[in-house]
Amino acid sequence: MPAREVASFLHWVQRLQWRLFKPLTVGVRLLAVDEGRVLLVRHSYVDGWYLPGGGVNAGESLQEAIGREAAEEAGAVLRDPRLFGVYSSFHERKSDHIVVFVCEEFTWRAGRNREIEDVECFAIDQLPEGTSPGTRRRVAEFAAGRTAVAAPW
């Protein structure tokens, strides 16, 4: 079975688990913006472009999580990430809380791993086709100068 199909199946199993057990989850996402361009990733297990990020591990601070996820998913090293907003999503019958950080000073290197198929920077006003709705909303909020919000994802 091809790796993408295995990853998609495992993602489906995880979503089923969320439906059955209705967990509370906390995740982080990164708005890495430089000179009007935003860093996005494309995962191996779901279609579309997303802000880099993922779950917060037990015993890990939000700051540690965003640094780890940025490095793992985008090969990014962050300098002074700051809170952008806290969002809630009750999609898939889970209580998902997403803490978004913004960072305007970072380095990154394109790379791929079993989770990430592609990493690219795109102009804020020219996001690629297939960019997730949540990603589009966060980028639009940043472009409009909005910060420090608590809102639905």
N, C-alpha and C. Protein backbone atom coordinates (compact mmCIF):
# COMPACT_ATOMS: atom_id res chain seq x y z
N MET A 1 0.85 -1.17 0.00
CA MET A 1 0.00 0.00 0.00
C MET A 1 0.90 1.25 0.00
N PRO A 2 0.66 2.20 -0.91
CA PRO A 2 1.48 3.41 -0.96
C PRO A 2 1.43 4.20 0.35
N ALA A 3 2.51 4.89 0.65
CA ALA A 3 2.64 5.64 1.92
C ALA A 3 1.52 6.65 2.10
N ARG A 4 1.12 7.35 1.04
CA ARG A 4 0.05 8.35 1.16
C ARG A 4 -1.26 7.69 1.58
N GLU A 5 -1.55 6.51 1.03
CA GLU A 5 -2.78 5.80 1.40
C GLU A 5 -2.74 5.34 2.85
N VAL A 6 -1.60 4.87 3.31
CA VAL A 6 -1.44 4.47 4.71
C VAL A 6 -1.65 5.67 5.62
N ALA A 7 -1.02 6.80 5.28
CA ALA A 7 -1.16 8.01 6.10
C ALA A 7 -2.60 8.49 6.12
N SER A 8 -3.28 8.45 4.99
CA SER A 8 -4.69 8.86 4.93
C SER A 8 -5.56 7.94 5.78
N PHE A 9 -5.30 6.64 5.73
CA PHE A 9 -6.06 5.68 6.54
C PHE A 9 -5.84 5.94 8.03
N LEU A 10 -4.60 6.15 8.43
CA LEU A 10 -4.31 6.42 9.85
C LEU A 10 -4.96 7.72 10.31
N HIS A 11 -5.00 8.72 9.43
CA HIS A 11 -5.69 9.97 9.76
C HIS A 11 -7.18 9.71 9.95
N TRP A 12 -7.76 8.88 9.10
CA TRP A 12 -9.18 8.52 9.22
C TRP A 12 -9.44 7.81 10.55
N VAL A 13 -8.57 6.89 10.95
CA VAL A 13 -8.70 6.18 12.22
C VAL A 13 -8.65 7.17 13.39
N GLN A 14 -7.74 8.13 13.32
CA GLN A 14 -7.64 9.14 14.37
C GLN A 14 -8.93 9.96 14.45
N ARG A 15 -9.49 10.34 13.32
CA ARG A 15 -10.74 11.10 13.31
C ARG A 15 -11.88 10.27 13.90
N LEU A 16 -11.92 8.97 13.63
CA LEU A 16 -12.93 8.09 14.21
C LEU A 16 -12.78 8.05 15.73
N GLN A 17 -11.54 7.97 16.18
CA GLN A 17 -11.28 7.97 17.63
C GLN A 17 -11.79 9.26 18.26
N TRP A 18 -11.58 10.40 17.59
CA TRP A 18 -12.07 11.68 18.12
C TRP A 18 -13.59 11.65 18.24
N ARG A 19 -14.28 11.10 17.23
CA ARG A 19 -15.74 11.04 17.26
C ARG A 19 -16.24 10.18 18.42
N LEU A 20 -15.55 9.08 18.68
CA LEU A 20 -15.99 8.16 19.73
C LEU A 20 -15.70 8.67 21.13
N PHE A 21 -14.56 9.30 21.32
CA PHE A 21 -14.15 9.67 22.68
C PHE A 21 -14.22 11.16 22.96
N LYS A 22 -14.53 11.98 21.96
CA LYS A 22 -14.73 13.42 22.10
C LYS A 22 -13.67 14.09 22.98
N PRO A 23 -12.41 14.02 22.56
CA PRO A 23 -11.34 14.56 23.40
C PRO A 23 -11.24 16.09 23.36
N LEU A 24 -10.54 16.61 24.32
CA LEU A 24 -10.13 18.00 24.36
C LEU A 24 -8.70 18.04 23.83
N THR A 25 -8.45 18.80 22.79
CA THR A 25 -7.11 18.87 22.23
C THR A 25 -6.62 20.31 22.20
N VAL A 26 -5.32 20.46 22.29
CA VAL A 26 -4.68 21.77 22.19
C VAL A 26 -3.60 21.67 21.13
N GLY A 27 -3.64 22.60 20.20
CA GLY A 27 -2.65 22.60 19.13
C GLY A 27 -2.11 23.99 18.91
N VAL A 28 -1.07 24.07 18.12
CA VAL A 28 -0.45 25.34 17.76
C VAL A 28 -0.35 25.42 16.24
N ARG A 29 -0.42 26.63 15.73
CA ARG A 29 -0.21 26.91 14.30
C ARG A 29 0.68 28.13 14.20
N LEU A 30 1.40 28.22 13.10
CA LEU A 30 2.36 29.30 12.91
C LEU A 30 2.04 30.13 11.67
N LEU A 31 1.91 31.42 11.88
CA LEU A 31 1.83 32.39 10.79
C LEU A 31 3.24 32.94 10.63
N ALA A 32 4.04 32.33 9.79
CA ALA A 32 5.40 32.78 9.54
C ALA A 32 5.34 33.68 8.31
N VAL A 33 5.52 34.97 8.52
CA VAL A 33 5.34 35.95 7.46
C VAL A 33 6.61 36.76 7.28
N ASP A 34 7.05 36.88 6.03
CA ASP A 34 8.24 37.66 5.72
C ASP A 34 8.01 38.40 4.40
N GLU A 35 8.12 39.71 4.46
CA GLU A 35 7.99 40.55 3.27
C GLU A 35 6.75 40.22 2.45
N GLY A 36 5.61 40.10 3.13
CA GLY A 36 4.35 39.87 2.44
C GLY A 36 4.12 38.45 1.96
N ARG A 37 4.95 37.54 2.42
CA ARG A 37 4.81 36.13 2.03
C ARG A 37 4.61 35.29 3.27
N VAL A 38 3.79 34.26 3.16
CA VAL A 38 3.49 33.38 4.29
C VAL A 38 3.94 31.96 3.97
N LEU A 39 4.49 31.30 4.98
CA LEU A 39 5.00 29.94 4.86
C LEU A 39 3.86 28.95 5.07
N LEU A 40 3.65 28.06 4.10
CA LEU A 40 2.59 27.03 4.20
C LEU A 40 3.17 25.65 3.93
N VAL A 41 2.48 24.64 4.45
CA VAL A 41 2.89 23.26 4.24
C VAL A 41 1.76 22.45 3.62
N ARG A 42 2.13 21.41 2.92
CA ARG A 42 1.17 20.46 2.35
C ARG A 42 1.48 19.09 2.96
N HIS A 43 0.50 18.52 3.65
CA HIS A 43 0.68 17.26 4.36
C HIS A 43 0.52 16.06 3.42
N SER A 44 1.05 14.93 3.84
CA SER A 44 0.94 13.70 3.06
C SER A 44 -0.39 13.00 3.26
N TYR A 45 -1.11 13.34 4.31
CA TYR A 45 -2.32 12.59 4.67
C TYR A 45 -3.63 13.34 4.43
N VAL A 46 -3.56 14.60 4.00
CA VAL A 46 -4.77 15.37 3.73
C VAL A 46 -4.44 16.39 2.64
N ASP A 47 -5.40 16.64 1.77
CA ASP A 47 -5.17 17.58 0.67
C ASP A 47 -5.18 19.02 1.16
N GLY A 48 -4.46 19.88 0.48
CA GLY A 48 -4.50 21.31 0.74
C GLY A 48 -3.24 21.85 1.38
N TRP A 49 -3.21 23.17 1.50
CA TRP A 49 -2.11 23.91 2.12
C TRP A 49 -2.56 24.43 3.47
N TYR A 50 -1.65 24.37 4.46
CA TYR A 50 -1.99 24.72 5.84
C TYR A 50 -0.85 25.53 6.47
N LEU A 51 -1.19 26.23 7.53
CA LEU A 51 -0.16 26.82 8.38
C LEU A 51 0.56 25.67 9.07
N PRO A 52 1.88 25.73 9.23
CA PRO A 52 2.58 24.68 9.97
C PRO A 52 2.07 24.62 11.41
N GLY A 53 2.05 23.43 11.96
CA GLY A 53 1.63 23.29 13.35
C GLY A 53 1.18 21.89 13.66
N GLY A 54 0.72 21.71 14.89
CA GLY A 54 0.27 20.40 15.33
C GLY A 54 -0.06 20.41 16.80
N GLY A 55 -0.17 19.24 17.36
CA GLY A 55 -0.56 19.10 18.76
C GLY A 55 0.53 19.47 19.75
N VAL A 56 0.08 19.87 20.92
CA VAL A 56 0.98 20.17 22.03
C VAL A 56 1.15 18.89 22.83
N ASN A 57 2.38 18.48 23.05
CA ASN A 57 2.67 17.26 23.81
C ASN A 57 2.51 17.48 25.30
N ALA A 58 2.23 16.42 26.03
CA ALA A 58 2.14 16.50 27.49
C ALA A 58 3.45 17.03 28.05
N GLY A 59 3.38 17.98 28.96
CA GLY A 59 4.56 18.55 29.59
C GLY A 59 5.29 19.58 28.73
N GLU A 60 4.72 19.94 27.60
CA GLU A 60 5.35 20.88 26.68
C GLU A 60 4.62 22.22 26.74
N SER A 61 5.37 23.31 26.78
CA SER A 61 4.74 24.63 26.77
C SER A 61 4.30 24.97 25.35
N LEU A 62 3.45 25.96 25.22
CA LEU A 62 3.02 26.40 23.89
C LEU A 62 4.20 26.91 23.08
N GLN A 63 5.11 27.65 23.72
CA GLN A 63 6.30 28.16 23.05
C GLN A 63 7.18 27.01 22.55
N GLU A 64 7.35 25.99 23.37
CA GLU A 64 8.14 24.83 22.95
C GLU A 64 7.46 24.11 21.79
N ALA A 65 6.14 23.98 21.86
CA ALA A 65 5.40 23.28 20.81
C ALA A 65 5.51 23.99 19.47
N ILE A 66 5.38 25.32 19.46
CA ILE A 66 5.44 26.03 18.18
C ILE A 66 6.85 25.94 17.59
N GLY A 67 7.86 26.00 18.43
CA GLY A 67 9.23 25.86 17.94
C GLY A 67 9.48 24.47 17.37
N ARG A 68 9.00 23.44 18.06
CA ARG A 68 9.17 22.06 17.60
C ARG A 68 8.43 21.82 16.29
N GLU A 69 7.15 22.24 16.25
CA GLU A 69 6.35 22.02 15.05
C GLU A 69 6.90 22.78 13.85
N ALA A 70 7.37 24.01 14.06
CA ALA A 70 7.95 24.80 12.97
C ALA A 70 9.17 24.08 12.40
N ALA A 71 10.00 23.54 13.29
CA ALA A 71 11.21 22.83 12.85
C ALA A 71 10.85 21.53 12.14
N GLU A 72 9.92 20.75 12.72
CA GLU A 72 9.57 19.46 12.14
C GLU A 72 8.88 19.61 10.78
N GLU A 73 7.93 20.52 10.69
CA GLU A 73 7.12 20.61 9.48
C GLU A 73 7.72 21.48 8.39
N ALA A 74 8.44 22.53 8.77
CA ALA A 74 8.90 23.48 7.76
C ALA A 74 10.40 23.74 7.80
N GLY A 75 11.12 23.05 8.67
CA GLY A 75 12.54 23.32 8.80
C GLY A 75 12.81 24.74 9.24
N ALA A 76 11.87 25.31 10.00
CA ALA A 76 11.96 26.72 10.40
C ALA A 76 12.55 26.88 11.79
N VAL A 77 13.37 27.90 11.92
CA VAL A 77 13.90 28.33 13.21
C VAL A 77 13.32 29.71 13.45
N LEU A 78 12.62 29.87 14.56
CA LEU A 78 11.87 31.09 14.84
C LEU A 78 12.64 32.03 15.76
N ARG A 79 12.46 33.31 15.54
CA ARG A 79 13.01 34.32 16.43
C ARG A 79 11.85 35.16 16.94
N ASP A 80 11.58 35.08 18.22
CA ASP A 80 10.57 35.89 18.89
C ASP A 80 9.14 35.70 18.36
N PRO A 81 8.64 34.46 18.32
CA PRO A 81 7.23 34.28 17.95
C PRO A 81 6.35 34.90 19.03
N ARG A 82 5.22 35.47 18.62
CA ARG A 82 4.31 36.09 19.57
C ARG A 82 2.89 35.60 19.33
N LEU A 83 2.09 35.69 20.37
CA LEU A 83 0.71 35.23 20.29
C LEU A 83 -0.07 36.05 19.27
N PHE A 84 -0.78 35.37 18.42
CA PHE A 84 -1.64 36.03 17.43
C PHE A 84 -3.10 35.88 17.82
N GLY A 85 -3.49 34.68 18.25
CA GLY A 85 -4.88 34.46 18.62
C GLY A 85 -5.09 33.06 19.13
N VAL A 86 -6.23 32.87 19.78
CA VAL A 86 -6.63 31.56 20.29
C VAL A 86 -7.99 31.26 19.68
N TYR A 87 -8.10 30.10 19.08
CA TYR A 87 -9.30 29.74 18.33
C TYR A 87 -9.84 28.41 18.84
N SER A 88 -11.13 28.22 18.65
CA SER A 88 -11.77 26.96 19.06
C SER A 88 -12.51 26.36 17.87
N SER A 89 -12.43 25.05 17.77
CA SER A 89 -13.14 24.32 16.73
C SER A 89 -13.81 23.11 17.36
N PHE A 90 -15.07 22.91 17.01
CA PHE A 90 -15.81 21.75 17.52
C PHE A 90 -16.19 20.81 16.38
N HIS A 91 -15.43 20.95 15.28
CA HIS A 91 -15.58 20.07 14.12
C HIS A 91 -15.13 18.67 14.51
N GLU A 92 -15.68 17.67 13.91
CA GLU A 92 -15.34 16.27 14.18
C GLU A 92 -15.65 15.87 15.62
N ARG A 93 -16.55 16.59 16.27
CA ARG A 93 -17.03 16.29 17.63
C ARG A 93 -15.93 16.27 18.68
N LYS A 94 -14.93 17.11 18.50
CA LYS A 94 -13.90 17.24 19.52
C LYS A 94 -13.81 18.71 19.90
N SER A 95 -13.30 18.97 21.07
CA SER A 95 -13.06 20.34 21.51
C SER A 95 -11.60 20.65 21.21
N ASP A 96 -11.38 21.28 20.07
CA ASP A 96 -10.03 21.55 19.60
C ASP A 96 -9.74 23.03 19.81
N HIS A 97 -8.66 23.32 20.50
CA HIS A 97 -8.26 24.69 20.77
C HIS A 97 -6.91 24.92 20.12
N ILE A 98 -6.85 25.93 19.26
CA ILE A 98 -5.68 26.18 18.44
C ILE A 98 -5.09 27.53 18.83
N VAL A 99 -3.83 27.52 19.24
CA VAL A 99 -3.13 28.75 19.61
C VAL A 99 -2.24 29.11 18.43
N VAL A 100 -2.51 30.27 17.84
CA VAL A 100 -1.76 30.69 16.66
C VAL A 100 -0.71 31.72 17.07
N PHE A 101 0.50 31.48 16.63
CA PHE A 101 1.61 32.41 16.85
C PHE A 101 1.96 33.05 15.52
N VAL A 102 2.46 34.27 15.57
CA VAL A 102 2.96 34.94 14.38
C VAL A 102 4.45 35.18 14.60
N CYS A 103 5.21 35.01 13.53
CA CYS A 103 6.65 35.23 13.61
C CYS A 103 7.09 35.88 12.30
N GLU A 104 7.76 37.01 12.43
CA GLU A 104 8.20 37.73 11.24
C GLU A 104 9.72 37.70 11.07
N GLU A 105 10.39 36.98 11.96
CA GLU A 105 11.83 36.77 11.83
C GLU A 105 12.11 35.28 12.00
N PHE A 106 12.44 34.63 10.89
CA PHE A 106 12.66 33.19 10.91
C PHE A 106 13.52 32.79 9.72
N THR A 107 14.10 31.63 9.82
CA THR A 107 14.78 31.03 8.68
C THR A 107 14.09 29.70 8.44
N TRP A 108 14.15 29.23 7.21
CA TRP A 108 13.56 27.93 6.90
C TRP A 108 14.27 27.31 5.71
N ARG A 109 14.12 26.03 5.62
CA ARG A 109 14.67 25.30 4.49
C ARG A 109 13.60 24.34 3.99
N ALA A 110 13.43 24.32 2.70
CA ALA A 110 12.45 23.41 2.12
C ALA A 110 12.93 21.99 2.33
N GLY A 111 12.02 21.12 2.64
CA GLY A 111 12.36 19.73 2.84
C GLY A 111 11.10 18.90 2.88
N ARG A 112 11.28 17.64 2.82
CA ARG A 112 10.13 16.74 2.86
C ARG A 112 10.42 15.65 3.87
N ASN A 113 9.35 15.15 4.46
CA ASN A 113 9.45 13.99 5.33
C ASN A 113 8.18 13.18 5.14
N ARG A 114 7.97 12.17 5.94
CA ARG A 114 6.80 11.31 5.71
C ARG A 114 5.49 12.02 5.98
N GLU A 115 5.52 13.10 6.76
CA GLU A 115 4.30 13.85 7.07
C GLU A 115 4.09 15.03 6.12
N ILE A 116 5.17 15.65 5.67
CA ILE A 116 5.09 16.87 4.86
C ILE A 116 5.55 16.59 3.43
N GLU A 117 4.68 16.88 2.46
CA GLU A 117 5.03 16.70 1.06
C GLU A 117 5.70 17.93 0.47
N ASP A 118 5.34 19.11 0.97
CA ASP A 118 5.89 20.32 0.38
C ASP A 118 5.82 21.48 1.37
N VAL A 119 6.77 22.39 1.25
CA VAL A 119 6.84 23.61 2.06
C VAL A 119 7.14 24.75 1.10
N GLU A 120 6.33 25.80 1.13
CA GLU A 120 6.54 26.93 0.21
C GLU A 120 6.10 28.22 0.88
N CYS A 121 6.65 29.33 0.39
CA CYS A 121 6.18 30.66 0.78
C CYS A 121 5.33 31.21 -0.36
N PHE A 122 4.21 31.83 0.00
CA PHE A 122 3.29 32.39 -0.98
C PHE A 122 2.95 33.82 -0.60
N ALA A 123 2.70 34.65 -1.60
CA ALA A 123 2.26 36.01 -1.34
C ALA A 123 0.93 35.95 -0.58
N ILE A 124 0.81 36.79 0.43
CA ILE A 124 -0.40 36.80 1.27
C ILE A 124 -1.66 36.97 0.44
N ASP A 125 -1.59 37.76 -0.62
CA ASP A 125 -2.78 38.01 -1.44
C ASP A 125 -2.89 37.05 -2.64
N GLN A 126 -2.03 36.02 -2.67
CA GLN A 126 -2.08 35.04 -3.75
C GLN A 126 -1.84 33.63 -3.21
N LEU A 127 -2.68 33.23 -2.27
CA LEU A 127 -2.55 31.89 -1.69
C LEU A 127 -2.88 30.85 -2.74
N PRO A 128 -2.26 29.69 -2.67
CA PRO A 128 -2.50 28.67 -3.70
C PRO A 128 -3.89 28.05 -3.60
N GLU A 129 -4.33 27.53 -4.73
CA GLU A 129 -5.59 26.80 -4.75
C GLU A 129 -5.48 25.64 -3.76
N GLY A 130 -6.53 25.38 -3.02
CA GLY A 130 -6.52 24.30 -2.06
C GLY A 130 -6.07 24.72 -0.67
N THR A 131 -5.81 26.01 -0.46
CA THR A 131 -5.47 26.48 0.88
C THR A 131 -6.68 26.29 1.77
N SER A 132 -6.49 25.73 2.95
CA SER A 132 -7.61 25.43 3.84
C SER A 132 -8.35 26.70 4.25
N PRO A 133 -9.66 26.60 4.49
CA PRO A 133 -10.43 27.78 4.89
C PRO A 133 -9.89 28.45 6.16
N GLY A 134 -9.51 27.66 7.17
CA GLY A 134 -8.97 28.23 8.40
C GLY A 134 -7.67 28.99 8.14
N THR A 135 -6.83 28.45 7.28
CA THR A 135 -5.58 29.12 6.92
C THR A 135 -5.89 30.44 6.22
N ARG A 136 -6.82 30.41 5.29
CA ARG A 136 -7.21 31.65 4.58
C ARG A 136 -7.71 32.71 5.57
N ARG A 137 -8.51 32.29 6.55
CA ARG A 137 -9.04 33.26 7.52
C ARG A 137 -7.92 33.86 8.37
N ARG A 138 -6.98 33.02 8.83
CA ARG A 138 -5.89 33.54 9.66
C ARG A 138 -5.01 34.51 8.88
N VAL A 139 -4.70 34.17 7.63
CA VAL A 139 -3.87 35.04 6.79
C VAL A 139 -4.60 36.37 6.54
N ALA A 140 -5.90 36.31 6.27
CA ALA A 140 -6.68 37.54 6.05
C ALA A 140 -6.71 38.40 7.31
N GLU A 141 -6.83 37.77 8.48
CA GLU A 141 -6.81 38.53 9.73
C GLU A 141 -5.47 39.23 9.91
N PHE A 142 -4.39 38.52 9.62
CA PHE A 142 -3.06 39.12 9.73
C PHE A 142 -2.94 40.31 8.77
N ALA A 143 -3.36 40.11 7.52
CA ALA A 143 -3.26 41.16 6.51
C ALA A 143 -4.08 42.40 6.90
N ALA A 144 -5.17 42.18 7.63
CA ALA A 144 -6.03 43.29 8.06
C ALA A 144 -5.52 43.95 9.34
N GLY A 145 -4.44 43.41 9.92
CA GLY A 145 -3.87 43.99 11.13
C GLY A 145 -4.51 43.51 12.42
N ARG A 146 -5.32 42.49 12.34
CA ARG A 146 -6.00 41.95 13.54
C ARG A 146 -5.04 41.09 14.35
N THR A 147 -5.05 41.25 15.65
CA THR A 147 -4.20 40.44 16.54
C THR A 147 -4.92 40.17 17.84
N ALA A 148 -4.37 39.23 18.60
CA ALA A 148 -4.84 38.87 19.93
C ALA A 148 -6.34 38.66 20.00
N VAL A 149 -6.81 37.69 19.25
CA VAL A 149 -8.24 37.38 19.24
C VAL A 149 -8.50 36.03 19.88
N ALA A 150 -9.71 35.87 20.33
CA ALA A 150 -10.23 34.57 20.75
C ALA A 150 -11.51 34.40 19.94
N ALA A 151 -11.52 33.42 19.04
CA ALA A 151 -12.62 33.30 18.09
C ALA A 151 -12.76 31.87 17.61
N PRO A 152 -13.88 31.58 16.92
CA PRO A 152 -14.01 30.26 16.28
C PRO A 152 -12.96 30.09 15.20
N TRP A 153 -12.53 28.86 14.96
CA TRP A 153 -11.51 28.57 13.95
C TRP A 153 -12.09 28.87 12.58
